[in-house]
N, C-alpha and C. Protein backbone atom coordinates (compact mmCIF):
# COMPACT_ATOMS: atom_id res chain seq x y z
N UNK A 1 0.85 -1.19 0.00
CA UNK A 1 0.00 0.00 0.00
C UNK A 1 0.89 1.25 0.00
N UNK A 2 0.55 2.18 -0.86
CA UNK A 2 1.31 3.41 -1.01
C UNK A 2 1.09 4.32 0.20
N UNK A 3 2.12 5.08 0.53
CA UNK A 3 1.98 6.03 1.64
C UNK A 3 1.04 7.18 1.27
N UNK A 4 0.70 7.26 -0.04
CA UNK A 4 -0.21 8.31 -0.51
C UNK A 4 -1.60 7.78 -0.84
N UNK A 5 -1.90 6.56 -0.49
CA UNK A 5 -3.16 5.93 -0.89
C UNK A 5 -4.39 6.73 -0.44
N UNK A 6 -4.32 7.36 0.70
CA UNK A 6 -5.46 8.15 1.18
C UNK A 6 -5.71 9.38 0.32
N UNK A 7 -4.68 9.81 -0.43
CA UNK A 7 -4.79 11.02 -1.23
C UNK A 7 -5.07 10.74 -2.70
N UNK A 8 -5.21 9.47 -3.06
CA UNK A 8 -5.46 9.12 -4.46
C UNK A 8 -6.83 9.62 -4.89
N UNK A 9 -6.93 9.90 -6.17
CA UNK A 9 -8.17 10.47 -6.73
C UNK A 9 -9.38 9.59 -6.44
N UNK A 10 -9.18 8.29 -6.41
CA UNK A 10 -10.30 7.38 -6.14
C UNK A 10 -10.93 7.61 -4.77
N UNK A 11 -10.21 8.26 -3.86
CA UNK A 11 -10.73 8.55 -2.52
C UNK A 11 -11.38 9.93 -2.41
N UNK A 12 -11.32 10.67 -3.47
CA UNK A 12 -11.86 12.04 -3.44
C UNK A 12 -13.36 11.99 -3.72
N UNK A 13 -14.12 12.58 -2.82
CA UNK A 13 -15.58 12.60 -2.97
C UNK A 13 -15.99 13.60 -4.04
N UNK A 14 -16.90 13.17 -4.89
CA UNK A 14 -17.44 14.07 -5.92
C UNK A 14 -18.51 14.95 -5.30
N UNK A 15 -18.58 16.18 -5.76
CA UNK A 15 -19.59 17.11 -5.25
C UNK A 15 -20.77 17.10 -6.22
N UNK A 16 -21.92 16.77 -5.69
CA UNK A 16 -23.12 16.66 -6.52
C UNK A 16 -23.65 18.02 -6.92
N UNK A 17 -24.29 18.06 -8.08
CA UNK A 17 -24.97 19.27 -8.51
C UNK A 17 -26.16 19.54 -7.60
N UNK A 18 -26.55 20.79 -7.49
CA UNK A 18 -27.68 21.18 -6.65
C UNK A 18 -28.66 22.00 -7.46
N UNK A 19 -29.89 22.07 -6.98
CA UNK A 19 -30.95 22.82 -7.67
C UNK A 19 -31.40 23.97 -6.77
N UNK A 20 -31.70 25.09 -7.43
CA UNK A 20 -32.11 26.29 -6.70
C UNK A 20 -32.89 27.18 -7.66
N UNK A 21 -33.96 27.79 -7.18
CA UNK A 21 -34.75 28.73 -7.98
C UNK A 21 -34.27 30.14 -7.69
N UNK A 22 -33.51 30.76 -8.63
CA UNK A 22 -32.95 32.08 -8.35
C UNK A 22 -33.88 33.26 -8.60
N UNK A 23 -35.04 33.00 -9.22
CA UNK A 23 -35.94 34.11 -9.53
C UNK A 23 -37.39 33.68 -9.40
N UNK A 24 -38.22 34.62 -9.05
CA UNK A 24 -39.66 34.39 -8.98
C UNK A 24 -40.33 34.73 -10.31
N UNK A 25 -39.55 35.17 -11.28
CA UNK A 25 -40.09 35.59 -12.58
C UNK A 25 -40.33 34.42 -13.53
N UNK A 26 -39.61 33.33 -13.36
CA UNK A 26 -39.76 32.15 -14.22
C UNK A 26 -40.52 31.08 -13.45
N UNK A 27 -41.72 30.75 -13.94
CA UNK A 27 -42.59 29.81 -13.24
C UNK A 27 -42.91 28.62 -14.13
N UNK A 28 -43.08 27.45 -13.50
CA UNK A 28 -43.49 26.27 -14.26
C UNK A 28 -45.00 26.29 -14.44
N UNK A 29 -45.54 25.23 -15.04
CA UNK A 29 -46.98 25.18 -15.34
C UNK A 29 -47.86 25.18 -14.09
N UNK A 30 -47.30 24.84 -12.93
CA UNK A 30 -48.04 24.84 -11.67
C UNK A 30 -47.87 26.15 -10.90
N UNK A 31 -47.09 27.09 -11.46
CA UNK A 31 -46.87 28.37 -10.81
C UNK A 31 -45.73 28.39 -9.82
N UNK A 32 -44.92 27.33 -9.81
CA UNK A 32 -43.76 27.27 -8.92
C UNK A 32 -42.53 27.84 -9.62
N UNK A 33 -41.64 28.50 -8.87
CA UNK A 33 -40.41 29.01 -9.49
C UNK A 33 -39.59 27.87 -10.11
N UNK A 34 -39.06 28.13 -11.30
CA UNK A 34 -38.26 27.13 -12.01
C UNK A 34 -36.88 27.05 -11.37
N UNK A 35 -36.44 25.82 -11.11
CA UNK A 35 -35.13 25.62 -10.51
C UNK A 35 -34.05 25.53 -11.58
N UNK A 36 -32.92 26.14 -11.30
CA UNK A 36 -31.72 26.02 -12.12
C UNK A 36 -30.88 24.91 -11.47
N UNK A 37 -29.99 24.32 -12.25
CA UNK A 37 -29.05 23.34 -11.71
C UNK A 37 -27.66 23.97 -11.68
N UNK A 38 -26.98 23.81 -10.55
CA UNK A 38 -25.67 24.41 -10.34
C UNK A 38 -24.64 23.32 -10.05
N UNK A 39 -23.40 23.59 -10.46
CA UNK A 39 -22.30 22.67 -10.19
C UNK A 39 -21.20 23.38 -9.41
N UNK A 40 -20.39 22.58 -8.77
CA UNK A 40 -19.23 23.10 -8.04
C UNK A 40 -18.11 23.37 -9.04
N UNK A 41 -17.44 24.50 -8.90
CA UNK A 41 -16.29 24.83 -9.73
C UNK A 41 -15.00 24.43 -9.02
N UNK A 42 -13.99 24.10 -9.79
CA UNK A 42 -12.69 23.79 -9.20
C UNK A 42 -11.93 25.08 -8.93
N UNK A 43 -10.92 24.99 -8.09
CA UNK A 43 -10.07 26.15 -7.82
C UNK A 43 -9.42 26.64 -9.10
N UNK A 44 -9.02 25.73 -9.96
CA UNK A 44 -8.39 26.11 -11.24
C UNK A 44 -9.37 26.88 -12.11
N UNK A 45 -10.62 26.43 -12.17
CA UNK A 45 -11.63 27.14 -12.97
C UNK A 45 -11.81 28.58 -12.45
N UNK A 46 -11.89 28.73 -11.14
CA UNK A 46 -12.06 30.06 -10.55
C UNK A 46 -10.84 30.93 -10.83
N UNK A 47 -9.64 30.36 -10.72
CA UNK A 47 -8.43 31.12 -11.03
C UNK A 47 -8.40 31.55 -12.49
N UNK A 48 -8.81 30.66 -13.39
CA UNK A 48 -8.85 31.00 -14.82
C UNK A 48 -9.84 32.13 -15.09
N UNK A 49 -10.99 32.09 -14.41
CA UNK A 49 -11.98 33.16 -14.56
C UNK A 49 -11.41 34.47 -14.02
N UNK A 50 -10.75 34.41 -12.87
CA UNK A 50 -10.14 35.61 -12.29
C UNK A 50 -9.10 36.19 -13.25
N UNK A 51 -8.28 35.33 -13.83
CA UNK A 51 -7.27 35.80 -14.80
C UNK A 51 -7.94 36.48 -15.99
N UNK A 52 -9.05 35.90 -16.46
CA UNK A 52 -9.77 36.46 -17.59
C UNK A 52 -10.37 37.83 -17.27
N UNK A 53 -10.64 38.07 -16.00
CA UNK A 53 -11.29 39.32 -15.57
C UNK A 53 -10.30 40.32 -14.99
N UNK A 54 -9.01 40.02 -15.07
CA UNK A 54 -7.98 40.89 -14.51
C UNK A 54 -7.31 41.72 -15.59
N UNK A 55 -6.84 42.88 -15.17
CA UNK A 55 -6.09 43.73 -16.07
C UNK A 55 -5.09 44.52 -15.22
N UNK A 56 -4.11 45.08 -15.89
CA UNK A 56 -3.08 45.82 -15.18
C UNK A 56 -3.37 47.32 -15.20
N UNK A 57 -3.11 47.95 -14.06
CA UNK A 57 -3.32 49.38 -13.90
C UNK A 57 -1.98 50.00 -13.51
N UNK A 58 -1.56 51.06 -14.21
CA UNK A 58 -0.29 51.69 -13.83
C UNK A 58 -0.39 52.34 -12.45
N UNK A 59 0.68 52.24 -11.70
CA UNK A 59 0.75 52.88 -10.39
C UNK A 59 1.29 54.29 -10.60
N UNK A 60 0.52 55.29 -10.17
CA UNK A 60 0.92 56.69 -10.35
C UNK A 60 2.25 56.97 -9.67
N UNK A 61 3.10 57.67 -10.38
CA UNK A 61 4.37 58.07 -9.82
C UNK A 61 5.45 57.01 -9.91
N UNK A 62 5.10 55.83 -10.41
CA UNK A 62 6.08 54.75 -10.54
C UNK A 62 6.05 54.26 -11.97
N UNK A 63 6.76 54.93 -12.82
CA UNK A 63 6.78 54.62 -14.24
C UNK A 63 7.09 53.16 -14.53
N UNK A 64 6.26 52.56 -15.34
CA UNK A 64 6.47 51.17 -15.74
C UNK A 64 6.07 50.14 -14.70
N UNK A 65 5.49 50.56 -13.57
CA UNK A 65 5.07 49.62 -12.53
C UNK A 65 3.55 49.53 -12.55
N UNK A 66 3.06 48.30 -12.54
CA UNK A 66 1.62 48.06 -12.63
C UNK A 66 1.15 47.18 -11.49
N UNK A 67 -0.15 47.24 -11.23
CA UNK A 67 -0.76 46.33 -10.26
C UNK A 67 -1.97 45.69 -10.93
N UNK A 68 -2.31 44.51 -10.44
CA UNK A 68 -3.45 43.78 -10.98
C UNK A 68 -4.75 44.35 -10.41
N UNK A 69 -5.75 44.43 -11.24
CA UNK A 69 -7.08 44.84 -10.80
C UNK A 69 -8.08 43.86 -11.41
N UNK A 70 -9.09 43.51 -10.66
CA UNK A 70 -10.11 42.58 -11.13
C UNK A 70 -11.39 43.34 -11.39
N UNK A 71 -11.98 43.11 -12.56
CA UNK A 71 -13.30 43.65 -12.87
C UNK A 71 -14.30 42.77 -12.11
N UNK A 72 -14.72 43.22 -10.93
CA UNK A 72 -15.52 42.38 -10.04
C UNK A 72 -16.88 42.02 -10.62
N UNK A 73 -17.52 42.93 -11.31
CA UNK A 73 -18.83 42.62 -11.90
C UNK A 73 -18.69 41.50 -12.93
N UNK A 74 -17.69 41.61 -13.79
CA UNK A 74 -17.44 40.59 -14.80
C UNK A 74 -17.09 39.26 -14.14
N UNK A 75 -16.23 39.31 -13.12
CA UNK A 75 -15.82 38.11 -12.39
C UNK A 75 -17.02 37.42 -11.74
N UNK A 76 -17.84 38.19 -11.04
CA UNK A 76 -19.00 37.61 -10.36
C UNK A 76 -19.95 36.95 -11.36
N UNK A 77 -20.22 37.61 -12.46
CA UNK A 77 -21.15 37.05 -13.44
C UNK A 77 -20.58 35.84 -14.14
N UNK A 78 -19.28 35.81 -14.37
CA UNK A 78 -18.66 34.63 -14.98
C UNK A 78 -18.67 33.44 -14.01
N UNK A 79 -18.49 33.71 -12.72
CA UNK A 79 -18.56 32.64 -11.72
C UNK A 79 -19.97 32.06 -11.69
N UNK A 80 -20.97 32.93 -11.70
CA UNK A 80 -22.36 32.45 -11.68
C UNK A 80 -22.65 31.65 -12.94
N UNK A 81 -22.32 32.20 -14.12
CA UNK A 81 -22.65 31.50 -15.37
C UNK A 81 -21.89 30.19 -15.49
N UNK A 82 -20.65 30.14 -15.03
CA UNK A 82 -19.88 28.89 -15.08
C UNK A 82 -20.48 27.84 -14.15
N UNK A 83 -21.17 28.28 -13.09
CA UNK A 83 -21.78 27.36 -12.13
C UNK A 83 -23.09 26.77 -12.63
N UNK A 84 -23.76 27.47 -13.52
CA UNK A 84 -25.09 27.03 -13.97
C UNK A 84 -24.97 25.96 -15.04
N UNK A 85 -25.61 24.82 -14.79
CA UNK A 85 -25.65 23.71 -15.74
C UNK A 85 -26.94 23.77 -16.55
N UNK A 86 -28.05 23.98 -15.85
CA UNK A 86 -29.38 24.07 -16.48
C UNK A 86 -30.05 25.32 -15.95
N UNK A 87 -30.47 26.21 -16.84
CA UNK A 87 -30.49 26.11 -18.29
C UNK A 87 -29.09 26.33 -18.87
N UNK A 88 -28.89 25.86 -20.10
CA UNK A 88 -27.62 26.04 -20.79
C UNK A 88 -27.56 27.48 -21.28
N UNK A 89 -26.79 28.30 -20.59
CA UNK A 89 -26.72 29.73 -20.91
C UNK A 89 -25.96 30.01 -22.21
N UNK A 90 -25.36 28.98 -22.79
CA UNK A 90 -24.65 29.13 -24.06
C UNK A 90 -25.52 28.73 -25.25
N UNK A 91 -26.73 28.30 -24.98
CA UNK A 91 -27.63 27.86 -26.04
C UNK A 91 -28.10 29.06 -26.87
N UNK A 92 -27.84 29.01 -28.17
CA UNK A 92 -28.15 30.15 -29.03
C UNK A 92 -29.66 30.39 -29.13
N UNK A 93 -30.46 29.34 -29.11
CA UNK A 93 -31.91 29.52 -29.18
C UNK A 93 -32.42 30.27 -27.95
N UNK A 94 -31.92 29.91 -26.78
CA UNK A 94 -32.32 30.58 -25.54
C UNK A 94 -31.81 32.03 -25.55
N UNK A 95 -30.58 32.23 -25.97
CA UNK A 95 -30.05 33.60 -26.06
C UNK A 95 -30.87 34.43 -27.03
N UNK A 96 -31.18 33.87 -28.19
CA UNK A 96 -31.96 34.60 -29.20
C UNK A 96 -33.34 34.99 -28.69
N UNK A 97 -33.95 34.14 -27.86
CA UNK A 97 -35.28 34.43 -27.34
C UNK A 97 -35.28 35.69 -26.46
N UNK A 98 -34.13 36.00 -25.88
CA UNK A 98 -33.99 37.20 -25.04
C UNK A 98 -33.26 38.32 -25.77
N UNK A 99 -32.81 38.06 -27.01
CA UNK A 99 -32.11 39.08 -27.77
C UNK A 99 -30.72 39.40 -27.25
N UNK A 100 -30.03 38.38 -26.72
CA UNK A 100 -28.68 38.56 -26.19
C UNK A 100 -27.74 37.59 -26.88
N UNK A 101 -26.43 37.79 -26.68
CA UNK A 101 -25.47 36.92 -27.38
C UNK A 101 -24.37 36.35 -26.49
N UNK A 102 -24.45 36.57 -25.17
CA UNK A 102 -23.46 35.99 -24.26
C UNK A 102 -24.17 35.35 -23.07
N UNK A 103 -23.53 34.36 -22.45
CA UNK A 103 -24.12 33.76 -21.25
C UNK A 103 -24.36 34.77 -20.14
N UNK A 104 -23.44 35.73 -19.98
CA UNK A 104 -23.58 36.73 -18.92
C UNK A 104 -24.78 37.64 -19.17
N UNK A 105 -24.99 38.04 -20.43
CA UNK A 105 -26.15 38.88 -20.75
C UNK A 105 -27.45 38.09 -20.59
N UNK A 106 -27.41 36.79 -20.90
CA UNK A 106 -28.59 35.95 -20.71
C UNK A 106 -28.91 35.83 -19.22
N UNK A 107 -27.89 35.71 -18.40
CA UNK A 107 -28.10 35.66 -16.94
C UNK A 107 -28.83 36.91 -16.48
N UNK A 108 -28.38 38.09 -16.95
CA UNK A 108 -29.05 39.34 -16.59
C UNK A 108 -30.50 39.35 -17.06
N UNK A 109 -30.78 38.75 -18.22
CA UNK A 109 -32.15 38.73 -18.74
C UNK A 109 -33.03 37.76 -17.94
N UNK A 110 -32.48 36.62 -17.56
CA UNK A 110 -33.25 35.63 -16.80
C UNK A 110 -33.51 36.07 -15.37
N UNK A 111 -32.49 36.62 -14.74
CA UNK A 111 -32.59 37.08 -13.35
C UNK A 111 -32.39 38.60 -13.38
N UNK A 112 -33.48 39.30 -13.76
CA UNK A 112 -33.36 40.73 -14.01
C UNK A 112 -33.70 41.61 -12.81
N UNK A 113 -34.12 41.02 -11.72
CA UNK A 113 -34.38 41.77 -10.50
C UNK A 113 -33.06 41.95 -9.74
N UNK A 114 -32.66 43.18 -9.44
CA UNK A 114 -31.37 43.39 -8.78
C UNK A 114 -31.22 42.65 -7.45
N UNK A 115 -32.28 42.58 -6.68
CA UNK A 115 -32.21 41.87 -5.40
C UNK A 115 -32.02 40.37 -5.60
N UNK A 116 -32.73 39.81 -6.58
CA UNK A 116 -32.58 38.39 -6.87
C UNK A 116 -31.18 38.09 -7.40
N UNK A 117 -30.65 39.01 -8.21
CA UNK A 117 -29.31 38.81 -8.75
C UNK A 117 -28.28 38.82 -7.62
N UNK A 118 -28.42 39.74 -6.68
CA UNK A 118 -27.51 39.80 -5.54
C UNK A 118 -27.63 38.53 -4.69
N UNK A 119 -28.85 38.05 -4.50
CA UNK A 119 -29.06 36.82 -3.73
C UNK A 119 -28.45 35.62 -4.46
N UNK A 120 -28.55 35.61 -5.78
CA UNK A 120 -27.96 34.53 -6.58
C UNK A 120 -26.44 34.53 -6.41
N UNK A 121 -25.82 35.70 -6.44
CA UNK A 121 -24.38 35.79 -6.23
C UNK A 121 -24.02 35.24 -4.85
N UNK A 122 -24.78 35.58 -3.84
CA UNK A 122 -24.54 35.08 -2.49
C UNK A 122 -24.69 33.55 -2.45
N UNK A 123 -25.72 33.04 -3.10
CA UNK A 123 -25.96 31.59 -3.14
C UNK A 123 -24.78 30.87 -3.80
N UNK A 124 -24.36 31.35 -4.96
CA UNK A 124 -23.27 30.71 -5.71
C UNK A 124 -21.96 30.83 -4.93
N UNK A 125 -21.73 31.96 -4.28
CA UNK A 125 -20.51 32.13 -3.48
C UNK A 125 -20.44 31.06 -2.39
N UNK A 126 -21.53 30.84 -1.70
CA UNK A 126 -21.56 29.82 -0.65
C UNK A 126 -21.41 28.42 -1.25
N UNK A 127 -22.04 28.18 -2.39
CA UNK A 127 -21.92 26.89 -3.07
C UNK A 127 -20.46 26.60 -3.41
N UNK A 128 -19.73 27.63 -3.80
CA UNK A 128 -18.34 27.46 -4.21
C UNK A 128 -17.38 27.46 -3.02
N UNK A 129 -17.92 27.50 -1.81
CA UNK A 129 -17.08 27.36 -0.62
C UNK A 129 -16.62 28.65 0.02
N UNK A 130 -17.10 29.77 -0.48
CA UNK A 130 -16.76 31.04 0.15
C UNK A 130 -17.73 31.26 1.31
N UNK A 131 -17.19 31.59 2.48
CA UNK A 131 -18.03 31.80 3.67
C UNK A 131 -18.80 33.10 3.60
N UNK A 132 -18.26 34.08 2.91
CA UNK A 132 -18.95 35.34 2.70
C UNK A 132 -19.05 35.56 1.20
N UNK A 133 -19.85 36.51 0.80
CA UNK A 133 -20.02 36.77 -0.62
C UNK A 133 -18.71 37.24 -1.25
N UNK A 134 -18.56 37.01 -2.53
CA UNK A 134 -17.37 37.44 -3.24
C UNK A 134 -17.21 38.95 -3.16
N UNK A 135 -18.33 39.67 -3.20
CA UNK A 135 -18.26 41.14 -3.10
C UNK A 135 -17.67 41.57 -1.76
N UNK A 136 -18.07 40.89 -0.67
CA UNK A 136 -17.54 41.23 0.64
C UNK A 136 -16.04 40.94 0.71
N UNK A 137 -15.59 39.82 0.12
CA UNK A 137 -14.18 39.50 0.11
C UNK A 137 -13.39 40.55 -0.66
N UNK A 138 -13.93 40.99 -1.78
CA UNK A 138 -13.25 41.99 -2.59
C UNK A 138 -13.17 43.32 -1.85
N UNK A 139 -14.27 43.72 -1.20
CA UNK A 139 -14.27 44.97 -0.43
C UNK A 139 -13.26 44.88 0.71
N UNK A 140 -13.19 43.70 1.36
CA UNK A 140 -12.25 43.50 2.45
C UNK A 140 -10.81 43.63 1.94
N UNK A 141 -10.55 43.07 0.76
CA UNK A 141 -9.21 43.13 0.19
C UNK A 141 -8.82 44.56 -0.18
N UNK A 142 -9.81 45.36 -0.58
CA UNK A 142 -9.52 46.75 -0.95
C UNK A 142 -9.10 47.57 0.26
N UNK A 143 -9.67 47.26 1.43
CA UNK A 143 -9.40 48.03 2.65
C UNK A 143 -8.20 47.53 3.34
């Protein structure tokens, strides 16, 4: 038996998808809110999204020196859209029905109430293992 047997991939528990109704605007035939299906993201996926949403900002008074800045709105929406399995936010027919062309814009169309959108961000943040919302973590990092 290997000294690493406890750490082998076969011992790693898979995280099941979960269902949640993020808006009261989409109802099924019985009048109940439609549930979306969400998946757990890996640390690598979150890092890749963060990299995609980052850009460099020059530091005043220090020529040629830059610092990283994250577009938090873009980051938050990409985290949410990457977490959603159902509905398929990349489906062109669904996007066309709302007159949008990106998963993030479709998310805004589906969950168009600002309070529901904020609650969805909080829900997804907790699903992804963050104890507080991503916005709170970002604000904390700024201070």
